[in-house]
Amino acid sequence: MKRFNRNAQRREVKNPHRTNKEIRVPEVRLVGDNVEMDIYPTKTALSKAEELGLDLVEISPNAKPPVCKIMDYKKFLYEQKKREKALKAKASKVVVKEIRFGPNTDDHDYDFKKKHAEKFLKEGAKLKAYVFFKGRSIVYKDKGEILLLKLASELEDIGKVEQMPKLEGKRMTMFIAPKKTK
């Protein structure tokens, strides 16, 4: 019965490149800082890497012959992780905040929710404003649309409308994105 080696599988996921003894081709194209670029037998390339105290890493396995580079592999992986982490930190996450109105929302409630909408847009979040129609209040569709358009016009200095009011089932939804400030 053949046993499944889980550690070997984990190792492959950890190291995306073949290094040193894992390279099983007869010859490789060698590149690196202290090396003359040329095609070498794999054993010669390995011995050159050992002389320099570095690793032989297969960079492009699909090339003919495969391209290998002499470098400090652990340092390379560390720098790669660091670069990925920096890119991830720079990527912006879009936050969507919701504000719900009824078709017959009073002026005071409207002003209160408008202040919240202003705060959300100033913080850089997108705003999803919607009017929810309960039961027979769906007959006031026009009131809901007027309410959302009024909100859009009052927030136009800090946000721009991404999607105009649109009725979806019992909800009339509108999206407002914050304006980019320079």
Protein backbone atom coordinates (compact mmCIF):
# COMPACT_ATOMS: atom_id res chain seq x y z
CA MET A 1 0.00 0.00 0.00
CA LYS A 2 1.39 3.38 -1.04
CA ARG A 3 1.44 6.07 1.65
CA PHE A 4 0.57 9.67 0.92
CA ASN A 5 3.24 12.10 2.08
CA ARG A 6 1.50 15.27 3.28
CA ASN A 7 4.74 17.07 4.16
CA ALA A 8 5.98 16.83 0.58
CA GLN A 9 2.73 18.34 -0.64
CA ARG A 10 3.02 21.24 1.84
CA ARG A 11 6.61 21.87 0.77
CA GLU A 12 5.53 22.27 -2.86
CA VAL A 13 2.95 24.87 -1.91
CA LYS A 14 5.54 26.76 0.18
CA ASN A 15 8.23 26.94 -2.53
CA PRO A 16 6.81 27.81 -5.94
CA HIS A 17 10.26 27.45 -7.57
CA ARG A 18 12.52 24.42 -7.88
CA THR A 19 15.85 24.92 -6.13
CA ASN A 20 19.26 23.18 -6.10
CA LYS A 21 18.81 19.37 -6.16
CA GLU A 22 15.13 19.61 -7.23
CA ILE A 23 16.22 20.76 -10.72
CA ARG A 24 16.26 17.57 -12.80
CA VAL A 25 17.13 18.73 -16.32
CA PRO A 26 20.48 17.96 -18.00
CA GLU A 27 21.37 21.60 -18.79
CA VAL A 28 20.18 25.09 -17.82
CA ARG A 29 20.59 28.67 -19.02
CA LEU A 30 22.34 30.39 -16.13
CA VAL A 31 21.82 34.05 -15.19
CA GLY A 32 22.86 35.96 -12.10
CA ASP A 33 25.01 38.76 -10.73
CA ASN A 34 28.45 37.09 -10.48
CA VAL A 35 27.99 34.62 -13.35
CA GLU A 36 28.64 34.68 -17.07
CA MET A 37 25.30 34.14 -18.85
CA ASP A 38 25.41 30.92 -20.84
CA ILE A 39 24.07 27.37 -21.06
CA TYR A 40 25.71 25.06 -18.49
CA PRO A 41 25.23 21.44 -17.40
CA THR A 42 23.10 21.40 -14.25
CA LYS A 43 25.91 19.93 -12.10
CA THR A 44 28.27 22.74 -13.11
CA ALA A 45 25.62 25.35 -12.34
CA LEU A 46 25.01 23.75 -8.92
CA SER A 47 28.72 23.76 -8.10
CA LYS A 48 28.99 27.47 -9.09
CA ALA A 49 26.07 28.27 -6.78
CA GLU A 50 27.71 26.34 -3.92
CA GLU A 51 31.01 28.18 -4.47
CA LEU A 52 29.20 31.48 -4.04
CA GLY A 53 27.23 30.17 -1.04
CA LEU A 54 23.90 30.80 -2.79
CA ASP A 55 21.03 28.76 -4.25
CA LEU A 56 20.36 27.74 -7.84
CA VAL A 57 16.72 28.69 -8.49
CA GLU A 58 14.67 27.72 -11.56
CA ILE A 59 13.07 30.98 -12.71
CA SER A 60 11.49 29.96 -16.02
CA PRO A 61 10.87 26.18 -16.13
CA ASN A 62 9.05 26.23 -19.50
CA ALA A 63 11.93 27.77 -21.49
CA LYS A 64 14.24 25.60 -23.59
CA PRO A 65 16.59 25.07 -21.70
CA PRO A 66 15.07 26.20 -18.37
CA VAL A 67 16.38 29.52 -17.02
CA CYS A 68 18.04 29.35 -13.59
CA LYS A 69 19.42 32.13 -11.43
CA ILE A 70 21.99 32.07 -8.67
CA MET A 71 20.58 33.97 -5.66
CA ASP A 72 19.79 33.81 -1.96
CA TYR A 73 16.39 32.08 -2.19
CA LYS A 74 15.20 32.80 1.36
CA LYS A 75 15.95 36.51 0.91
CA PHE A 76 14.13 36.46 -2.46
CA LEU A 77 11.00 34.91 -0.89
CA TYR A 78 11.12 37.40 2.00
CA GLU A 79 11.30 40.39 -0.35
CA GLN A 80 8.51 38.95 -2.53
CA LYS A 81 6.21 38.59 0.52
CA LYS A 82 7.10 42.11 1.62
CA ARG A 83 6.21 43.50 -1.85
CA GLU A 84 2.88 41.62 -1.88
CA LYS A 85 2.04 42.91 1.60
CA ALA A 86 2.80 46.52 0.54
CA LEU A 87 0.59 46.15 -2.56
CA LYS A 88 -2.21 44.70 -0.44
CA ALA A 89 -1.97 47.61 2.00
CA LYS A 90 -2.19 50.14 -0.86
CA ALA A 91 -5.29 48.49 -2.35
CA SER A 92 -8.35 50.45 -1.28
CA LYS A 93 -11.33 48.70 0.18
CA VAL A 94 -14.69 50.07 -0.87
CA VAL A 95 -17.13 50.50 2.00
CA VAL A 96 -20.84 50.82 1.20
CA LYS A 97 -23.05 52.49 3.80
CA GLU A 98 -26.84 52.26 3.59
CA ILE A 99 -29.50 54.80 4.46
CA ARG A 100 -33.16 53.77 4.46
CA PHE A 101 -36.11 56.06 3.93
CA GLY A 102 -39.84 55.52 3.86
CA PRO A 103 -41.95 57.11 1.12
CA ASN A 104 -43.49 59.51 3.66
CA THR A 105 -40.33 60.49 5.58
CA ASP A 106 -40.71 63.76 7.56
CA ASP A 107 -38.38 66.73 7.05
CA HIS A 108 -36.64 66.29 10.41
CA ASP A 109 -35.94 62.58 9.79
CA TYR A 110 -34.77 63.42 6.28
CA ASP A 111 -32.33 66.07 7.56
CA PHE A 112 -31.02 63.70 10.23
CA LYS A 113 -30.33 60.97 7.64
CA LYS A 114 -28.86 63.51 5.20
CA LYS A 115 -26.28 64.50 7.87
CA HIS A 116 -25.29 60.85 8.20
CA ALA A 117 -25.03 60.57 4.42
CA GLU A 118 -22.69 63.60 4.34
CA LYS A 119 -20.54 62.06 7.06
CA PHE A 120 -20.29 58.74 5.17
CA LEU A 121 -19.31 60.44 1.91
CA LYS A 122 -16.70 62.62 3.64
CA GLU A 123 -15.17 59.46 5.15
CA GLY A 124 -14.82 58.07 1.62
CA ALA A 125 -17.55 55.43 1.75
CA LYS A 126 -20.07 54.86 -1.03
CA LEU A 127 -23.69 55.53 -0.14
CA LYS A 128 -26.65 53.33 -0.95
CA ALA A 129 -29.81 55.31 -0.28
CA TYR A 130 -33.10 53.50 -0.68
CA VAL A 131 -36.78 53.97 -0.09
CA PHE A 132 -38.56 50.87 1.20
CA PHE A 133 -42.22 50.54 0.28
CA LYS A 134 -44.29 48.54 2.80
CA GLY A 135 -47.60 47.04 1.78
CA ARG A 136 -49.72 49.46 -0.22
CA SER A 137 -47.25 52.34 0.08
CA ILE A 138 -45.91 51.23 -3.33
CA VAL A 139 -48.50 53.63 -4.80
CA TYR A 140 -46.19 56.47 -3.63
CA LYS A 141 -43.36 55.51 -6.02
CA ASP A 142 -43.14 59.10 -7.27
CA LYS A 143 -42.71 60.40 -3.68
CA GLY A 144 -39.84 57.97 -3.15
CA GLU A 145 -38.13 59.04 -6.36
CA ILE A 146 -38.54 62.74 -5.51
CA LEU A 147 -37.04 62.08 -2.06
CA LEU A 148 -33.96 60.33 -3.53
CA LEU A 149 -33.45 62.98 -6.21
CA LYS A 150 -33.69 65.70 -3.54
CA LEU A 151 -30.99 63.89 -1.54
CA ALA A 152 -28.78 63.61 -4.64
CA SER A 153 -29.11 67.33 -5.45
CA GLU A 154 -28.30 68.35 -1.85
CA LEU A 155 -25.22 66.09 -1.75
CA GLU A 156 -23.89 66.93 -5.22
CA ASP A 157 -21.03 69.07 -3.84
CA ILE A 158 -19.51 66.09 -1.93
CA GLY A 159 -20.78 63.12 -3.95
CA LYS A 160 -21.78 62.15 -7.45
CA VAL A 161 -24.66 59.88 -8.39
CA GLU A 162 -23.46 56.51 -9.72
CA GLN A 163 -26.90 55.05 -10.29
CA MET A 164 -30.12 57.04 -10.58
CA PRO A 165 -33.16 55.89 -8.54
CA LYS A 166 -34.28 52.48 -9.78
CA LEU A 167 -37.20 50.41 -8.50
CA GLU A 168 -36.33 46.80 -7.66
CA GLY A 169 -39.24 44.97 -6.08
CA LYS A 170 -40.29 46.95 -3.01
CA ARG A 171 -37.13 49.08 -2.95
CA MET A 172 -36.14 52.14 -4.93
CA THR A 173 -32.34 52.31 -4.78
CA MET A 174 -29.78 54.99 -5.66
CA PHE A 175 -25.96 54.88 -5.32
CA ILE A 176 -23.80 57.93 -4.57
CA ALA A 177 -19.98 57.81 -4.67
CA PRO A 178 -17.76 60.36 -2.89
CA LYS A 179 -16.08 62.97 -5.10
CA LYS A 180 -12.31 62.77 -5.27
CA THR A 181 -10.70 65.69 -3.46
CA LYS A 182 -7.31 66.99 -4.60
